[in-house]
Structure formats: C-alpha cells, structure tokens
Amino acid sequence: SKVKSQKSKVKSQKSKVKSQKSKVKSQKSKVKIQKSKVKSQNSKFKSQNSKVKKEVNAL
C-alpha cells in the first residue's frame, strides 16, 4: 500500500506541474497580446505625429 500512495503522490505532483506549465503558457500568450497591442498603439501614434507635422508644415 505504501507503493500505491507513493505512486498517487507522484501522479498528483505531475498533474500540478502540468497545470503550472499551462499557466505559464497562458501568461506568455497574454504577454504576446499586450506586446502586439503596444505595437499597434505605437504605429497609431507615429501616423498621428506625421499628420500633425504635415499640418504644421502646411501652416
């Protein structure tokens, strides 16, 4: 019975590790999404800045 309890402990440890790994994966994908959002914001700002510059030059 000792061996059985050891095996079940190992199983629970493995499942814990799996859940940790999946958590890390979801965190990484969240970070990726954030980065892409920031990139799109930056490109928007850049286009706005160039528009403003053109308007100022027109004046």
Protein backbone atom coordinates (compact mmCIF):
# COMPACT_ATOMS: atom_id res chain seq x y z
CA SER A 1 0.00 0.00 0.00
CA LYS A 2 2.98 2.29 0.57
CA VAL A 3 3.96 1.94 -3.05
CA LYS A 4 0.42 2.85 -4.12
CA SER A 5 0.40 6.00 -2.02
CA GLN A 6 3.81 6.95 -3.44
CA LYS A 7 2.53 6.47 -6.96
CA SER A 8 -0.54 8.58 -6.31
CA LYS A 9 1.68 11.28 -4.81
CA VAL A 10 3.85 11.25 -7.90
CA LYS A 11 0.74 11.48 -10.08
CA SER A 12 -0.56 14.50 -8.20
CA GLN A 13 2.87 16.14 -8.44
CA LYS A 14 2.92 15.55 -12.19
CA SER A 15 -0.55 17.00 -12.63
CA LYS A 16 0.49 20.02 -10.56
CA VAL A 17 3.49 20.53 -12.81
CA LYS A 18 1.21 20.26 -15.86
CA SER A 19 -1.15 22.90 -14.54
CA GLN A 20 1.80 25.16 -13.74
CA LYS A 21 3.10 24.75 -17.29
CA SER A 22 -0.28 25.57 -18.78
CA LYS A 23 -0.48 28.64 -16.54
CA VAL A 24 2.91 29.78 -17.77
CA LYS A 25 1.76 29.23 -21.36
CA SER A 26 -1.34 31.36 -20.86
CA GLN A 27 0.77 34.07 -19.21
CA LYS A 28 3.13 34.07 -22.19
CA SER A 29 0.27 34.36 -24.66
CA LYS A 30 -1.16 37.25 -22.61
CA VAL A 31 2.20 39.00 -22.74
CA LYS A 32 2.30 38.47 -26.52
CA ILE A 33 -1.15 40.03 -26.87
CA GLN A 34 -0.07 43.00 -24.73
CA LYS A 35 3.05 43.48 -26.84
CA SER A 36 1.09 43.46 -30.09
CA LYS A 37 -1.37 45.97 -28.59
CA VAL A 38 1.50 48.26 -27.64
CA LYS A 39 2.94 47.93 -31.15
CA SER A 40 -0.34 48.93 -32.77
CA GLN A 41 -0.64 51.88 -30.36
CA ASN A 42 2.88 53.00 -31.29
CA SER A 43 2.16 52.82 -35.00
CA LYS A 44 -1.04 54.83 -34.45
CA PHE A 45 0.91 57.49 -32.58
CA LYS A 46 3.52 57.60 -35.32
CA SER A 47 0.92 58.14 -38.03
CA GLN A 48 -0.75 60.85 -35.93
CA ASN A 49 2.59 62.57 -35.41
CA SER A 50 3.34 62.59 -39.12
CA LYS A 51 -0.14 64.04 -39.77
CA VAL A 52 0.46 66.79 -37.22
CA LYS A 53 3.86 67.56 -38.75
CA LYS A 54 2.31 67.85 -42.20
CA GLU A 55 -0.38 70.19 -40.86
CA VAL A 56 2.21 72.35 -39.12
CA ASN A 57 4.28 72.50 -42.30
CA ALA A 58 1.15 73.47 -44.25
CA LEU A 59 0.70 76.43 -41.91
